[in-house]
Amino acid sequence: MIKEEKSVVLIVNAHSRKGERLYSQAMDMLDKRGVLLAASYSVQDPMRIPEVVKEAIGRGCKLIIVGGGDGTISSVIDYLACQNIVLGILPLGTGNYFAKTLEIPSDLDSAVDVIVRGKIVHIDLGKVNDDYFANVSSIGLTTMVARKISRHLKKYLGRVAYGIVGVQCSFTFRPFDCHFIAQEKNITIKTHQVVIANGCFQGGGLVAPETRLDNHKLAVFTMGEYSRWQLLKTWTAFFLGKHTLLSESNYFSTHEVFVKTNPPQYVDIDGEVTVQTPAHFSIARDALKVIVPSEYKEQVE
């Protein structure tokens, strides 16, 4: 039982959309439900969050509750992967697609209930080269959007900020050649967008309906080469979560894939741009222990 765990730490990204505002409420809700926190942190500088998590692990903490969005979760995944440590999630960011894939409610009170009354499961993580990611990596238009959008705009406009910046980028972004090597596949296409997903959601909709965090596969989704107006239509569909319905889209699943582009492209990892192509993407099976709702249905092998 979580109430019996004596080494619980709460770490909230104060720069996430709702982090600073809801930090005190999260502490109060956990306390009222009988969760004894060994320590709690409202971190003003997001760059320090991995350091705070690392220190908590070094002190022997076995349950780390992280409040923030997909970028916050992704920034600490490398320290939690393949460890005997449980992650609890409070979705306080803009998209919160990783939490959504795990069926964790977006409102704080219900999310705290999941931590107190939920169950622990093992889920897969994705990897880009040697770095883990939780939800989705992407190459192309959405990566340009991630590089151009400001934290200030995300904090005050939420998902609408992505729509606005995406429309602006649609008029300047150029397609690129992309080469995939995956198992026995060897594919070259010209595209505006590549999504390599461990989780279900990006841009508000399903990347692929059958994608799960425990099916030991990555979903690879691409969009074709478009005119400027077609690209604008595609971005609108992507923003509304309707991109998989486009006739020009392509999809396959794989355990790993090597991606090379011409020219080289930046890779967006759960909302944070960190590396460039060429890059190797793979699945890390059962690499993370996380608390999910008790009714969450695990994959039956």
C-alpha atoms as a PDB file:
ATOM      1  CA  MET A   1       0.000   0.000   0.000  1.00  0.00           C
ATOM      2  CA  ILE A   2       1.199   3.479  -0.857  1.00  0.00           C
ATOM      3  CA  LYS A   3       0.266   4.784   2.611  1.00  0.00           C
ATOM      4  CA  GLU A   4       2.763   2.361   4.096  1.00  0.00           C
ATOM      5  CA  GLU A   5       5.622   3.621   1.918  1.00  0.00           C
ATOM      6  CA  LYS A   6       7.909   5.848   4.022  1.00  0.00           C
ATOM      7  CA  SER A   7      10.161   7.175   1.263  1.00  0.00           C
ATOM      8  CA  VAL A   8       7.786   9.198  -0.923  1.00  0.00           C
ATOM      9  CA  VAL A   9       9.000  12.378  -2.637  1.00  0.00           C
ATOM     10  CA  LEU A  10       6.934  14.949  -4.539  1.00  0.00           C
ATOM     11  CA  ILE A  11       8.727  16.921  -7.257  1.00  0.00           C
ATOM     12  CA  VAL A  12       6.751  19.518  -9.235  1.00  0.00           C
ATOM     13  CA  ASN A  13       7.912  21.534 -12.223  1.00  0.00           C
ATOM     14  CA  ALA A  14       6.807  25.038 -11.223  1.00  0.00           C
ATOM     15  CA  HIS A  15       7.239  26.161 -14.842  1.00  0.00           C
ATOM     16  CA  SER A  16       4.777  23.600 -16.168  1.00  0.00           C
ATOM     17  CA  ARG A  17       1.404  25.039 -17.071  1.00  0.00           C
ATOM     18  CA  LYS A  18      -0.302  24.313 -13.728  1.00  0.00           C
ATOM     19  CA  GLY A  19       2.695  23.391 -11.579  1.00  0.00           C
ATOM     20  CA  GLU A  20       3.233  26.492  -9.480  1.00  0.00           C
ATOM     21  CA  ARG A  21      -0.487  27.065  -8.954  1.00  0.00           C
ATOM     22  CA  LEU A  22      -1.302  23.502  -7.858  1.00  0.00           C
ATOM     23  CA  TYR A  23       1.839  22.520  -5.935  1.00  0.00           C
ATOM     24  CA  SER A  24       0.436  23.359  -2.484  1.00  0.00           C
ATOM     25  CA  GLN A  25      -2.897  21.716  -3.307  1.00  0.00           C
ATOM     26  CA  ALA A  26      -1.095  18.524  -4.343  1.00  0.00           C
ATOM     27  CA  MET A  27       0.735  18.382  -1.000  1.00  0.00           C
ATOM     28  CA  ASP A  28      -2.513  18.960   0.923  1.00  0.00           C
ATOM     29  CA  MET A  29      -4.405  16.300  -1.047  1.00  0.00           C
ATOM     30  CA  LEU A  30      -1.685  13.712  -0.506  1.00  0.00           C
ATOM     31  CA  ASP A  31      -1.522  14.536   3.199  1.00  0.00           C
ATOM     32  CA  LYS A  32      -5.305  14.230   3.643  1.00  0.00           C
ATOM     33  CA  ARG A  33      -5.203  10.811   1.966  1.00  0.00           C
ATOM     34  CA  GLY A  34      -2.576   9.616   4.420  1.00  0.00           C
ATOM     35  CA  VAL A  35       0.502   9.829   2.163  1.00  0.00           C
ATOM     36  CA  LEU A  36       3.511  10.838   4.266  1.00  0.00           C
ATOM     37  CA  LEU A  37       5.995  12.809   2.153  1.00  0.00           C
ATOM     38  CA  ALA A  38       9.645  12.487   3.105  1.00  0.00           C
ATOM     39  CA  ALA A  39      10.308  15.625   1.030  1.00  0.00           C
ATOM     40  CA  SER A  40       8.622  17.873  -1.516  1.00  0.00           C
ATOM     41  CA  TYR A  41      10.024  20.322  -4.066  1.00  0.00           C
ATOM     42  CA  SER A  42       8.575  23.040  -6.269  1.00  0.00           C
ATOM     43  CA  VAL A  43      11.388  23.414  -8.794  1.00  0.00           C
ATOM     44  CA  GLN A  44      11.572  26.825 -10.453  1.00  0.00           C
ATOM     45  CA  ASP A  45      14.281  25.898 -12.960  1.00  0.00           C
ATOM     46  CA  PRO A  46      13.160  22.907 -15.089  1.00  0.00           C
ATOM     47  CA  MET A  47      16.803  22.109 -15.867  1.00  0.00           C
ATOM     48  CA  ARG A  48      17.301  21.185 -12.185  1.00  0.00           C
ATOM     49  CA  ILE A  49      14.525  18.574 -12.065  1.00  0.00           C
ATOM     50  CA  PRO A  50      16.715  15.630 -13.181  1.00  0.00           C
ATOM     51  CA  GLU A  51      19.245  16.601 -10.491  1.00  0.00           C
ATOM     52  CA  VAL A  52      16.530  16.680  -7.811  1.00  0.00           C
ATOM     53  CA  VAL A  53      15.258  13.259  -8.908  1.00  0.00           C
ATOM     54  CA  LYS A  54      18.787  11.858  -8.905  1.00  0.00           C
ATOM     55  CA  GLU A  55      19.340  13.140  -5.359  1.00  0.00           C
ATOM     56  CA  ALA A  56      16.041  11.586  -4.192  1.00  0.00           C
ATOM     57  CA  ILE A  57      17.058   8.235  -5.651  1.00  0.00           C
ATOM     58  CA  GLY A  58      20.436   8.527  -3.931  1.00  0.00           C
ATOM     59  CA  ARG A  59      18.639   8.937  -0.578  1.00  0.00           C
ATOM     60  CA  GLY A  60      16.803   5.659  -1.151  1.00  0.00           C
ATOM     61  CA  CYS A  61      13.397   6.975  -2.218  1.00  0.00           C
ATOM     62  CA  LYS A  62      11.257   4.199  -3.705  1.00  0.00           C
ATOM     63  CA  LEU A  63       8.278   6.257  -4.898  1.00  0.00           C
ATOM     64  CA  ILE A  64       8.785   9.529  -6.747  1.00  0.00           C
ATOM     65  CA  ILE A  65       5.721  11.587  -7.631  1.00  0.00           C
ATOM     66  CA  VAL A  66       6.428  13.961 -10.516  1.00  0.00           C
ATOM     67  CA  GLY A  67       4.125  16.867 -11.399  1.00  0.00           C
ATOM     68  CA  GLY A  68       4.505  18.305 -14.866  1.00  0.00           C
ATOM     69  CA  GLY A  69       3.964  17.579 -18.549  1.00  0.00           C
ATOM     70  CA  ASP A  70       5.505  15.182 -21.049  1.00  0.00           C
ATOM     71  CA  GLY A  71       8.783  17.104 -21.191  1.00  0.00           C
ATOM     72  CA  THR A  72       9.123  16.933 -17.398  1.00  0.00           C
ATOM     73  CA  ILE A  73       8.503  13.187 -17.364  1.00  0.00           C
ATOM     74  CA  SER A  74      10.922  12.615 -20.228  1.00  0.00           C
ATOM     75  CA  SER A  75      13.660  14.622 -18.503  1.00  0.00           C
ATOM     76  CA  VAL A  76      13.756  12.198 -15.549  1.00  0.00           C
ATOM     77  CA  ILE A  77      13.063   8.893 -17.309  1.00  0.00           C
ATOM     78  CA  ASP A  78      16.764   8.036 -17.708  1.00  0.00           C
ATOM     79  CA  TYR A  79      17.120   7.955 -13.904  1.00  0.00           C
ATOM     80  CA  LEU A  80      14.003   5.822 -13.340  1.00  0.00           C
ATOM     81  CA  ALA A  81      14.401   3.307 -16.157  1.00  0.00           C
ATOM     82  CA  CYS A  82      15.236  -0.261 -15.141  1.00  0.00           C
ATOM     83  CA  GLN A  83      15.314   0.673 -11.439  1.00  0.00           C
ATOM     84  CA  ASN A  84      13.341  -0.590  -8.451  1.00  0.00           C
ATOM     85  CA  ILE A  85      11.623   2.783  -8.191  1.00  0.00           C
ATOM     86  CA  VAL A  86       7.952   3.592  -8.808  1.00  0.00           C
ATOM     87  CA  LEU A  87       6.813   6.703 -10.684  1.00  0.00           C
ATOM     88  CA  GLY A  88       3.613   8.501  -9.740  1.00  0.00           C
ATOM     89  CA  ILE A  89       2.336  11.123 -12.191  1.00  0.00           C
ATOM     90  CA  LEU A  90       0.431  14.361 -11.628  1.00  0.00           C
ATOM     91  CA  PRO A  91      -0.390  15.721 -15.126  1.00  0.00           C
ATOM     92  CA  LEU A  92       0.278  19.441 -14.684  1.00  0.00           C
ATOM     93  CA  GLY A  93       1.676  20.256 -18.136  1.00  0.00           C
ATOM     94  CA  THR A  94       0.217  21.367 -21.465  1.00  0.00           C
ATOM     95  CA  GLY A  95      -0.337  18.125 -23.376  1.00  0.00           C
ATOM     96  CA  ASN A  96       0.035  15.402 -20.735  1.00  0.00           C
ATOM     97  CA  TYR A  97      -0.196  12.754 -23.467  1.00  0.00           C
ATOM     98  CA  PHE A  98       1.846  10.173 -21.541  1.00  0.00           C
ATOM     99  CA  ALA A  99      -0.557  10.437 -18.602  1.00  0.00           C
ATOM    100  CA  LYS A 100      -3.493  10.242 -21.003  1.00  0.00           C
ATOM    101  CA  THR A 101      -2.121   7.026 -22.517  1.00  0.00           C
ATOM    102  CA  LEU A 102      -1.946   5.572 -18.999  1.00  0.00           C
ATOM    103  CA  GLU A 103      -5.567   6.685 -18.401  1.00  0.00           C
ATOM    104  CA  ILE A 104      -4.500   9.008 -15.579  1.00  0.00           C
ATOM    105  CA  PRO A 105      -7.155  11.763 -15.169  1.00  0.00           C
ATOM    106  CA  SER A 106      -6.177  15.340 -15.940  1.00  0.00           C
ATOM    107  CA  ASP A 107      -7.744  16.914 -12.835  1.00  0.00           C
ATOM    108  CA  LEU A 108      -5.500  16.991  -9.784  1.00  0.00           C
ATOM    109  CA  ASP A 109      -7.873  15.408  -7.265  1.00  0.00           C
ATOM    110  CA  SER A 110      -8.495  12.350  -9.455  1.00  0.00           C
ATOM    111  CA  ALA A 111      -4.795  12.031 -10.311  1.00  0.00           C
ATOM    112  CA  VAL A 112      -3.926  11.994  -6.594  1.00  0.00           C
ATOM    113  CA  ASP A 113      -6.581   9.301  -6.117  1.00  0.00           C
ATOM    114  CA  VAL A 114      -4.805   7.181  -8.744  1.00  0.00           C
ATOM    115  CA  ILE A 115      -1.550   7.471  -6.805  1.00  0.00           C
ATOM    116  CA  VAL A 116      -3.251   6.470  -3.545  1.00  0.00           C
ATOM    117  CA  ARG A 117      -5.605   3.760  -4.839  1.00  0.00           C
ATOM    118  CA  GLY A 118      -4.060   2.662  -8.138  1.00  0.00           C
ATOM    119  CA  LYS A 119      -1.834  -0.272  -9.028  1.00  0.00           C
ATOM    120  CA  ILE A 120       1.787  -0.596 -10.132  1.00  0.00           C
ATOM    121  CA  VAL A 121       2.486  -1.883 -13.649  1.00  0.00           C
ATOM    122  CA  HIS A 122       5.583  -2.334 -15.801  1.00  0.00           C
ATOM    123  CA  ILE A 123       5.522  -0.445 -19.114  1.00  0.00           C
ATOM    124  CA  ASP A 124       7.822  -0.069 -22.095  1.00  0.00           C
ATOM    125  CA  LEU A 125       9.972   2.958 -22.819  1.00  0.00           C
ATOM    126  CA  GLY A 126      11.297   4.107 -26.142  1.00  0.00           C
ATOM    127  CA  LYS A 127      14.951   4.894 -26.761  1.00  0.00           C
ATOM    128  CA  VAL A 128      16.609   7.381 -29.092  1.00  0.00           C
ATOM    129  CA  ASN A 129      20.183   6.188 -29.348  1.00  0.00           C
ATOM    130  CA  ASP A 130      21.014   5.720 -25.626  1.00  0.00           C
ATOM    131  CA  ASP A 131      18.373   8.097 -24.220  1.00  0.00           C
ATOM    132  CA  TYR A 132      14.979   6.884 -23.006  1.00  0.00           C
ATOM    133  CA  PHE A 133      11.691   8.558 -23.900  1.00  0.00           C
ATOM    134  CA  ALA A 134       8.241   7.968 -22.458  1.00  0.00           C
ATOM    135  CA  ASN A 135       5.684   8.867 -25.090  1.00  0.00           C
ATOM    136  CA  VAL A 136       6.557  10.133 -28.560  1.00  0.00           C
ATOM    137  CA  SER A 137       9.527  11.224 -30.647  1.00  0.00           C
ATOM    138  CA  SER A 138       8.995  13.168 -33.844  1.00  0.00           C
ATOM    139  CA  ILE A 139      10.944  14.608 -36.751  1.00  0.00           C
ATOM    140  CA  GLY A 140       9.776  17.411 -39.021  1.00  0.00           C
ATOM    141  CA  LEU A 141       7.097  20.065 -38.684  1.00  0.00           C
ATOM    142  CA  THR A 142       6.215  19.370 -35.044  1.00  0.00           C
ATOM    143  CA  THR A 143       9.895  19.569 -34.155  1.00  0.00           C
ATOM    144  CA  MET A 144      10.140  23.037 -35.699  1.00  0.00           C
ATOM    145  CA  VAL A 145       7.075  24.001 -33.657  1.00  0.00           C
ATOM    146  CA  ALA A 146       8.675  22.649 -30.458  1.00  0.00           C
ATOM    147  CA  ARG A 147      11.853  24.647 -31.130  1.00  0.00           C
ATOM    148  CA  LYS A 148       9.990  27.897 -31.820  1.00  0.00           C
ATOM    149  CA  ILE A 149       7.290  27.801 -29.155  1.00  0.00           C
ATOM    150  CA  SER A 150       8.103  29.587 -25.907  1.00  0.00           C
ATOM    151  CA  ARG A 151       7.436  28.296 -22.389  1.00  0.00           C
ATOM    152  CA  HIS A 152       5.546  31.534 -21.723  1.00  0.00           C
ATOM    153  CA  LEU A 153       3.195  30.916 -24.656  1.00  0.00           C
ATOM    154  CA  LYS A 154       2.634  27.276 -23.637  1.00  0.00           C
ATOM    155  CA  LYS A 155       1.921  28.258 -20.045  1.00  0.00           C
ATOM    156  CA  TYR A 156      -0.738  30.829 -20.880  1.00  0.00           C
ATOM    157  CA  LEU A 157      -2.331  29.452 -24.054  1.00  0.00           C
ATOM    158  CA  GLY A 158      -1.922  25.703 -23.537  1.00  0.00           C
ATOM    159  CA  ARG A 159      -2.465  23.530 -26.629  1.00  0.00           C
ATOM    160  CA  VAL A 160      -3.719  26.559 -28.591  1.00  0.00           C
ATOM    161  CA  ALA A 161      -0.117  27.814 -28.615  1.00  0.00           C
ATOM    162  CA  TYR A 162       0.912  24.760 -30.666  1.00  0.00           C
ATOM    163  CA  GLY A 163      -1.854  25.467 -33.173  1.00  0.00           C
ATOM    164  CA  ILE A 164      -0.808  29.093 -33.642  1.00  0.00           C
ATOM    165  CA  VAL A 165       2.917  28.374 -34.014  1.00  0.00           C
ATOM    166  CA  GLY A 166       2.164  25.365 -36.240  1.00  0.00           C
ATOM    167  CA  VAL A 167       0.219  27.496 -38.715  1.00  0.00           C
ATOM    168  CA  GLN A 168       3.130  29.936 -38.889  1.00  0.00           C
ATOM    169  CA  CYS A 169       5.654  27.135 -39.476  1.00  0.00           C
ATOM    170  CA  SER A 170       3.474  25.545 -42.178  1.00  0.00           C
ATOM    171  CA  PHE A 171       4.346  28.367 -44.564  1.00  0.00           C
ATOM    172  CA  THR A 172       8.126  28.019 -44.227  1.00  0.00           C
ATOM    173  CA  PHE A 173       8.847  24.353 -43.492  1.00  0.00           C
ATOM    174  CA  ARG A 174      10.386  22.319 -46.334  1.00  0.00           C
ATOM    175  CA  PRO A 175      10.008  18.548 -46.889  1.00  0.00           C
ATOM    176  CA  PHE A 176      13.011  16.269 -46.420  1.00  0.00           C
ATOM    177  CA  ASP A 177      14.164  12.849 -47.587  1.00  0.00           C
ATOM    178  CA  CYS A 178      13.804  10.162 -44.928  1.00  0.00           C
ATOM    179  CA  HIS A 179      15.308   6.664 -45.032  1.00  0.00           C
ATOM    180  CA  PHE A 180      14.081   3.922 -42.655  1.00  0.00           C
ATOM    181  CA  ILE A 181      15.790   0.615 -41.902  1.00  0.00           C
ATOM    182  CA  ALA A 182      13.507  -1.513 -39.707  1.00  0.00           C
ATOM    183  CA  GLN A 183      13.796  -5.297 -39.406  1.00  0.00           C
ATOM    184  CA  GLU A 184      13.446  -6.326 -43.071  1.00  0.00           C
ATOM    185  CA  LYS A 185      12.052  -2.967 -44.209  1.00  0.00           C
ATOM    186  CA  ASN A 186      14.154  -0.535 -46.219  1.00  0.00           C
ATOM    187  CA  ILE A 187      12.078   2.525 -47.098  1.00  0.00           C
ATOM    188  CA  THR A 188      12.906   5.976 -48.504  1.00  0.00           C
ATOM    189  CA  ILE A 189      10.252   8.708 -48.695  1.00  0.00           C
ATOM    190  CA  LYS A 190       9.971  12.488 -48.913  1.00  0.00           C
ATOM    191  CA  THR A 191       7.937  13.788 -46.031  1.00  0.00           C
ATOM    192  CA  HIS A 192       7.081  16.711 -43.762  1.00  0.00           C
ATOM    193  CA  GLN A 193       6.561  14.667 -40.609  1.00  0.00           C
ATOM    194  CA  VAL A 194       7.680  11.450 -38.909  1.00  0.00           C
ATOM    195  CA  VAL A 195       6.257  10.254 -35.573  1.00  0.00           C
ATOM    196  CA  ILE A 196       7.845   7.359 -33.665  1.00  0.00           C
ATOM    197  CA  ALA A 197       5.546   6.529 -30.784  1.00  0.00           C
ATOM    198  CA  ASN A 198       5.695   4.428 -27.656  1.00  0.00           C
ATOM    199  CA  GLY A 199       2.394   5.873 -26.373  1.00  0.00           C
ATOM    200  CA  CYS A 200      -0.957   6.506 -27.999  1.00  0.00           C
ATOM    201  CA  PHE A 201      -1.390  10.246 -28.143  1.00  0.00           C
ATOM    202  CA  GLN A 202       0.218  13.241 -29.779  1.00  0.00           C
ATOM    203  CA  GLY A 203      -1.345  16.480 -30.921  1.00  0.00           C
ATOM    204  CA  GLY A 204      -4.576  15.665 -29.121  1.00  0.00           C
ATOM    205  CA  GLY A 205      -5.366  12.457 -31.026  1.00  0.00           C
ATOM    206  CA  LEU A 206      -4.351   8.859 -31.474  1.00  0.00           C
ATOM    207  CA  VAL A 207      -1.075   8.223 -33.281  1.00  0.00           C
ATOM    208  CA  ALA A 208      -2.318   4.712 -34.018  1.00  0.00           C
ATOM    209  CA  PRO A 209      -5.305   2.999 -32.354  1.00  0.00           C
ATOM    210  CA  GLU A 210      -3.438  -0.197 -31.453  1.00  0.00           C
ATOM    211  CA  THR A 211      -0.414   1.516 -29.903  1.00  0.00           C
ATOM    212  CA  ARG A 212       0.159   0.615 -26.235  1.00  0.00           C
ATOM    213  CA  LEU A 213       2.826   1.163 -23.610  1.00  0.00           C
ATOM    214  CA  ASP A 214       3.140  -2.562 -22.979  1.00  0.00           C
ATOM    215  CA  ASN A 215       2.991  -4.169 -26.447  1.00  0.00           C
ATOM    216  CA  HIS A 216       6.809  -4.075 -26.918  1.00  0.00           C
ATOM    217  CA  LYS A 217       6.586  -2.177 -30.216  1.00  0.00           C
ATOM    218  CA  LEU A 218       7.063   1.324 -31.576  1.00  0.00           C
ATOM    219  CA  ALA A 219       4.553   2.829 -34.002  1.00  0.00           C
ATOM    220  CA  VAL A 220       6.113   4.696 -36.947  1.00  0.00           C
ATOM    221  CA  PHE A 221       3.820   7.177 -38.666  1.00  0.00           C
ATOM    222  CA  THR A 222       4.719   9.411 -41.630  1.00  0.00           C
ATOM    223  CA  MET A 223       3.007  12.106 -43.678  1.00  0.00           C
ATOM    224  CA  GLY A 224       3.676  12.641 -47.367  1.00  0.00           C
ATOM    225  CA  GLU A 225       5.031  15.582 -49.343  1.00  0.00           C
ATOM    226  CA  TYR A 226       2.498  18.388 -49.624  1.00  0.00           C
ATOM    227  CA  SER A 227       1.975  21.814 -51.100  1.00  0.00           C
ATOM    228  CA  ARG A 228       1.870  24.705 -48.612  1.00  0.00           C
ATOM    229  CA  TRP A 229      -1.933  24.609 -48.417  1.00  0.00           C
ATOM    230  CA  GLN A 230      -1.986  20.816 -48.103  1.00  0.00           C
ATOM    231  CA  LEU A 231       0.565  21.090 -45.315  1.00  0.00           C
ATOM    232  CA  LEU A 232      -1.620  23.659 -43.546  1.00  0.00           C
ATOM    233  CA  LYS A 233      -4.558  21.247 -43.839  1.00  0.00           C
ATOM    234  CA  THR A 234      -2.370  18.438 -42.523  1.00  0.00           C
ATOM    235  CA  TRP A 235      -1.208  20.473 -39.534  1.00  0.00           C
ATOM    236  CA  THR A 236      -4.809  21.345 -38.716  1.00  0.00           C
ATOM    237  CA  ALA A 237      -5.689  17.632 -38.853  1.00  0.00           C
ATOM    238  CA  PHE A 238      -2.657  16.815 -36.700  1.00  0.00           C
ATOM    239  CA  PHE A 239      -3.581  19.462 -34.150  1.00  0.00           C
ATOM    240  CA  LEU A 240      -7.151  18.115 -33.991  1.00  0.00           C
ATOM    241  CA  GLY A 241      -5.950  14.528 -33.696  1.00  0.00           C
ATOM    242  CA  LYS A 242      -7.327  13.490 -37.133  1.00  0.00           C
ATOM    243  CA  HIS A 243      -3.989  12.963 -38.923  1.00  0.00           C
ATOM    244  CA  THR A 244      -4.207   9.169 -39.090  1.00  0.00           C
ATOM    245  CA  LEU A 245      -7.324   9.523 -41.255  1.00  0.00           C
ATOM    246  CA  LEU A 246      -5.434  11.293 -44.042  1.00  0.00           C
ATOM    247  CA  SER A 247      -5.074   9.187 -47.190  1.00  0.00           C
ATOM    248  CA  GLU A 248      -1.469  10.326 -47.641  1.00  0.00           C
ATOM    249  CA  SER A 249      -0.328   8.986 -44.249  1.00  0.00           C
ATOM    250  CA  ASN A 250       1.707   5.777 -43.797  1.00  0.00           C
ATOM    251  CA  TYR A 251       2.102   3.575 -40.742  1.00  0.00           C
ATOM    252  CA  PHE A 252       4.057   0.526 -39.586  1.00  0.00           C
ATOM    253  CA  SER A 253       5.129  -0.972 -36.238  1.00  0.00           C
ATOM    254  CA  THR A 254       8.542  -2.297 -35.281  1.00  0.00           C
ATOM    255  CA  HIS A 255      10.846  -3.185 -32.379  1.00  0.00           C
ATOM    256  CA  GLU A 256      13.543  -0.829 -33.662  1.00  0.00           C
ATOM    257  CA  VAL A 257      14.249   1.471 -36.596  1.00  0.00           C
ATOM    258  CA  PHE A 258      17.228   3.445 -37.868  1.00  0.00           C
ATOM    259  CA  VAL A 259      16.324   6.826 -39.358  1.00  0.00           C
ATOM    260  CA  LYS A 260      18.515   8.918 -41.639  1.00  0.00           C
ATOM    261  CA  THR A 261      17.377  12.186 -43.224  1.00  0.00           C
ATOM    262  CA  ASN A 262      18.636  14.588 -45.845  1.00  0.00           C
ATOM    263  CA  PRO A 263      19.166  17.264 -44.721  1.00  0.00           C
ATOM    264  CA  PRO A 264      19.736  16.289 -41.040  1.00  0.00           C
ATOM    265  CA  GLN A 265      16.695  17.019 -38.854  1.00  0.00           C
ATOM    266  CA  TYR A 266      16.229  17.715 -35.160  1.00  0.00           C
ATOM    267  CA  VAL A 267      14.392  15.096 -33.080  1.00  0.00           C
ATOM    268  CA  ASP A 268      11.652  16.183 -30.670  1.00  0.00           C
ATOM    269  CA  ILE A 269      11.551  13.816 -27.666  1.00  0.00           C
ATOM    270  CA  ASP A 270       8.371  14.259 -25.614  1.00  0.00           C
ATOM    271  CA  GLY A 271       8.321  17.966 -26.411  1.00  0.00           C
ATOM    272  CA  GLU A 272      12.040  18.621 -25.894  1.00  0.00           C
ATOM    273  CA  VAL A 273      14.463  18.943 -28.822  1.00  0.00           C
ATOM    274  CA  THR A 274      17.723  17.217 -27.943  1.00  0.00           C
ATOM    275  CA  VAL A 275      19.394  15.344 -30.826  1.00  0.00           C
ATOM    276  CA  GLN A 276      19.631  15.256 -34.622  1.00  0.00           C
ATOM    277  CA  THR A 277      19.350  12.527 -37.235  1.00  0.00           C
ATOM    278  CA  PRO A 278      20.709  10.016 -38.040  1.00  0.00           C
ATOM    279  CA  ALA A 279      19.249   8.267 -35.004  1.00  0.00           C
ATOM    280  CA  HIS A 280      18.437   4.766 -33.802  1.00  0.00           C
ATOM    281  CA  PHE A 281      15.027   4.203 -32.183  1.00  0.00           C
ATOM    282  CA  SER A 282      14.275   1.082 -30.142  1.00  0.00           C
ATOM    283  CA  ILE A 283      11.975  -0.297 -27.455  1.00  0.00           C
ATOM    284  CA  ALA A 284      13.029  -1.026 -23.859  1.00  0.00           C
ATOM    285  CA  ARG A 285      10.646  -3.710 -22.633  1.00  0.00           C
ATOM    286  CA  ASP A 286       9.059  -3.338 -19.178  1.00  0.00           C
ATOM    287  CA  ALA A 287      11.594  -0.656 -18.304  1.00  0.00           C
ATOM    288  CA  LEU A 288       9.475   1.539 -16.023  1.00  0.00           C
ATOM    289  CA  LYS A 289       7.313   0.928 -12.939  1.00  0.00           C
ATOM    290  CA  VAL A 290       4.426   3.394 -12.792  1.00  0.00           C
ATOM    291  CA  ILE A 291       1.160   3.813 -10.880  1.00  0.00           C
ATOM    292  CA  VAL A 292      -1.972   3.624 -13.053  1.00  0.00           C
ATOM    293  CA  PRO A 293      -5.723   3.470 -12.291  1.00  0.00           C
ATOM    294  CA  SER A 294      -6.816   0.148 -10.824  1.00  0.00           C
ATOM    295  CA  GLU A 295      -9.067  -0.444 -13.853  1.00  0.00           C
ATOM    296  CA  TYR A 296      -6.197  -0.011 -16.348  1.00  0.00           C
ATOM    297  CA  LYS A 297      -6.086  -3.114 -18.549  1.00  0.00           C
ATOM    298  CA  GLU A 298      -2.633  -4.547 -19.131  1.00  0.00           C
ATOM    299  CA  GLN A 299      -1.596  -6.241 -22.356  1.00  0.00           C
ATOM    300  CA  VAL A 300      -2.190  -9.993 -22.315  1.00  0.00           C
ATOM    301  CA  GLU A 301       0.673 -11.810 -24.055  1.00  0.00           C
END
